[in-house]
Amino acid sequence: MSEFKFSKQNEEKFEKLLTRYPKRASLSLPSLWMVQYQEGWISEDAMIYLADKLGTSAMDILSIASFYTMFNLKPIGTYHIQVCKTLSCKLCGSEKIRSHLTNRLGIKFGETTKDMKFTLSEVECLGACGEAPAMSFNDDYVGNLSIEKIDKMLDEL
C-alpha cells in the first residue's frame, strides 16, 4: 500500500471531479497535476495511490506521467527554471542564456543544485516565440531573456 495520500483539499477536489468524468481513469491527468502541486513531484508511492484510486495499474500511471515532460518524476528545486530549446529561441540567443545559467548555477540541464534551490530543465516550445528567447520560472513565463535580466531575477531571490 502506498504511503502517499491526497491532502484533504485534493481529496475533495478529486471527489468533485469524479462527477464530471465518464470513467475514473479519465482523471489521470488532473490527478497527476494535483499530486505535483501538492508534493512538487510525482513519486512512485503517489503513482501507486493514483492507480488504486483510478482503478488502473501503476504502470498505466507511470506511462502517462513519463510521456508528458511537464511532470517531475524526481524531486526538484524550489526554483524550477525551464529553458526553451526550440529553433526560435536558439535563433534569438538561447545558447548564451543556457551557457550562462549552467555556469551561474553550477549545474547542467536535468540537474538540481545540492541545496535543492534550483533545477534546470530544457523543454520544447513554450509557445512564446514572439518573446524569444524564453523560459519558465516556476509557473511564470519570462521572455526577451538577456543575461542581465536573468542575473537580476536570480539576485532578487
Protein backbone atom coordinates (compact mmCIF):
# COMPACT_ATOMS: atom_id res chain seq x y z
CA MET A 1 0.00 0.00 0.00
CA SER A 2 1.18 3.49 -0.82
CA GLU A 3 2.27 5.93 1.87
CA PHE A 4 1.17 8.88 -0.25
CA LYS A 5 -2.26 10.40 0.34
CA PHE A 6 -4.05 13.37 -1.15
CA SER A 7 -4.41 16.35 1.13
CA LYS A 8 -7.94 16.92 2.39
CA GLN A 9 -8.36 19.71 -0.17
CA ASN A 10 -7.18 17.50 -3.05
CA GLU A 11 -9.37 14.61 -1.89
CA GLU A 12 -12.39 16.92 -2.01
CA LYS A 13 -11.35 18.20 -5.42
CA PHE A 14 -10.89 14.64 -6.68
CA GLU A 15 -14.36 13.60 -5.50
CA LYS A 16 -15.89 16.64 -7.17
CA LEU A 17 -14.05 15.94 -10.44
CA LEU A 18 -15.31 12.35 -10.46
CA THR A 19 -18.78 13.67 -11.24
CA ARG A 20 -17.51 15.29 -14.45
CA TYR A 21 -15.69 12.32 -15.99
CA PRO A 22 -17.35 9.23 -17.51
CA LYS A 23 -14.60 6.86 -16.32
CA ARG A 24 -12.35 7.08 -13.26
CA ALA A 25 -9.22 6.55 -15.37
CA SER A 26 -10.09 9.72 -17.30
CA LEU A 27 -8.99 11.62 -14.21
CA SER A 28 -5.35 10.57 -14.71
CA LEU A 29 -4.00 13.92 -15.89
CA PRO A 30 -5.91 16.09 -13.38
CA SER A 31 -4.89 13.69 -10.60
CA LEU A 32 -1.23 13.83 -11.62
CA TRP A 33 -1.40 17.63 -11.55
CA MET A 34 -2.90 17.52 -8.05
CA VAL A 35 -0.05 15.29 -6.86
CA GLN A 36 2.59 17.50 -8.43
CA TYR A 37 1.15 20.70 -6.97
CA GLN A 38 0.82 19.03 -3.59
CA GLU A 39 4.30 17.44 -3.45
CA GLY A 40 6.34 19.24 -6.10
CA TRP A 41 6.93 15.95 -7.91
CA ILE A 42 5.29 12.58 -8.56
CA SER A 43 6.73 9.72 -6.54
CA GLU A 44 6.31 6.00 -7.11
CA ASP A 45 4.10 5.91 -3.99
CA ALA A 46 1.89 8.61 -5.47
CA MET A 47 1.55 6.64 -8.71
CA ILE A 48 0.52 3.52 -6.80
CA TYR A 49 -2.01 5.60 -4.83
CA LEU A 50 -3.47 7.10 -8.03
CA ALA A 51 -3.64 3.72 -9.73
CA ASP A 52 -5.68 2.40 -6.82
CA LYS A 53 -8.00 5.44 -6.79
CA LEU A 54 -8.45 5.37 -10.56
CA GLY A 55 -8.91 1.62 -10.93
CA THR A 56 -5.91 1.20 -13.20
CA SER A 57 -2.32 -0.03 -12.87
CA ALA A 58 0.67 1.87 -11.56
CA MET A 59 2.32 1.15 -14.94
CA ASP A 60 -0.51 2.99 -16.70
CA ILE A 61 0.01 5.99 -14.42
CA LEU A 62 3.78 5.87 -14.98
CA SER A 63 3.32 5.69 -18.75
CA ILE A 64 1.18 8.84 -18.64
CA ALA A 65 3.42 10.72 -16.20
CA SER A 66 6.59 9.86 -18.13
CA PHE A 67 5.09 10.76 -21.51
CA TYR A 68 4.46 14.40 -20.55
CA THR A 69 7.55 16.49 -19.90
CA MET A 70 5.71 18.82 -17.50
CA PHE A 71 5.54 16.13 -14.82
CA ASN A 72 8.50 15.81 -12.47
CA LEU A 73 9.33 12.22 -11.61
CA LYS A 74 12.04 13.15 -9.13
CA PRO A 75 12.31 15.94 -6.55
CA ILE A 76 13.08 19.34 -7.99
CA GLY A 77 14.46 22.54 -6.54
CA THR A 78 12.46 25.36 -5.05
CA TYR A 79 13.04 27.28 -8.27
CA HIS A 80 12.44 25.33 -11.47
CA ILE A 81 13.98 27.03 -14.50
CA GLN A 82 12.85 25.56 -17.81
CA VAL A 83 14.56 26.97 -20.90
CA CYS A 84 13.06 26.56 -24.34
CA LYS A 85 15.28 24.53 -26.67
CA THR A 86 13.49 25.07 -29.97
CA LEU A 87 14.60 26.93 -33.08
CA SER A 88 13.00 30.33 -32.45
CA CYS A 89 14.72 30.66 -29.09
CA LYS A 90 18.03 29.37 -30.47
CA LEU A 91 17.91 31.95 -33.28
CA CYS A 92 17.35 34.66 -30.68
CA GLY A 93 20.27 33.72 -28.44
CA SER A 94 19.14 30.98 -26.08
CA GLU A 95 22.52 29.25 -26.31
CA LYS A 96 24.14 32.19 -24.47
CA ILE A 97 21.34 32.07 -21.90
CA ARG A 98 21.78 28.31 -21.42
CA SER A 99 25.54 28.63 -21.02
CA HIS A 100 25.18 31.49 -18.53
CA LEU A 101 22.63 29.59 -16.42
CA THR A 102 24.76 26.44 -16.21
CA ASN A 103 27.81 28.49 -15.22
CA ARG A 104 25.94 30.68 -12.73
CA LEU A 105 24.11 27.79 -11.04
CA GLY A 106 26.95 25.25 -11.32
CA ILE A 107 24.68 22.52 -12.70
CA LYS A 108 23.87 21.02 -16.07
CA PHE A 109 20.43 20.79 -17.63
CA GLY A 110 18.48 18.00 -15.97
CA GLU A 111 20.20 18.57 -12.62
CA THR A 112 19.30 20.16 -9.29
CA THR A 113 21.67 22.11 -7.06
CA LYS A 114 22.84 20.26 -3.94
CA ASP A 115 20.93 22.70 -1.73
CA MET A 116 17.72 21.86 -3.67
CA LYS A 117 17.30 25.53 -4.55
CA PHE A 118 17.43 25.30 -8.37
CA THR A 119 16.52 22.73 -11.00
CA LEU A 120 17.48 23.44 -14.60
CA SER A 121 15.50 21.81 -17.42
CA GLU A 122 15.24 22.18 -21.14
CA VAL A 123 11.80 21.98 -22.65
CA GLU A 124 10.14 22.01 -26.02
CA CYS A 125 8.44 25.15 -27.25
CA LEU A 126 6.87 27.27 -24.52
CA GLY A 127 4.64 28.98 -27.05
CA ALA A 128 6.39 32.31 -26.52
CA CYS A 129 8.23 32.58 -29.84
CA GLY A 130 7.33 36.26 -30.13
CA GLU A 131 9.32 36.89 -26.95
CA ALA A 132 12.23 34.54 -27.69
CA PRO A 133 14.43 33.55 -26.03
CA ALA A 134 12.02 32.43 -23.31
CA MET A 135 11.93 30.34 -20.18
CA SER A 136 9.53 29.28 -17.49
CA PHE A 137 10.47 30.21 -13.93
CA ASN A 138 8.29 28.01 -11.72
CA ASP A 139 4.88 28.75 -13.24
CA ASP A 140 5.73 32.14 -14.75
CA TYR A 141 6.87 32.68 -18.31
CA VAL A 142 9.74 35.09 -18.87
CA GLY A 143 10.54 36.29 -22.36
CA ASN A 144 13.01 38.53 -24.14
CA LEU A 145 15.72 37.00 -21.98
CA SER A 146 19.12 38.52 -21.55
CA ILE A 147 21.97 37.66 -19.22
CA GLU A 148 21.27 40.89 -17.31
CA LYS A 149 17.58 40.04 -16.91
CA ILE A 150 18.43 36.56 -15.60
CA ASP A 151 21.04 37.88 -13.18
CA LYS A 152 18.56 40.43 -11.84
CA MET A 153 15.95 37.70 -11.28
CA LEU A 154 18.40 35.42 -9.51
CA ASP A 155 19.91 38.23 -7.42
CA GLU A 156 16.45 39.20 -6.15
CA LEU A 157 15.73 35.73 -4.71
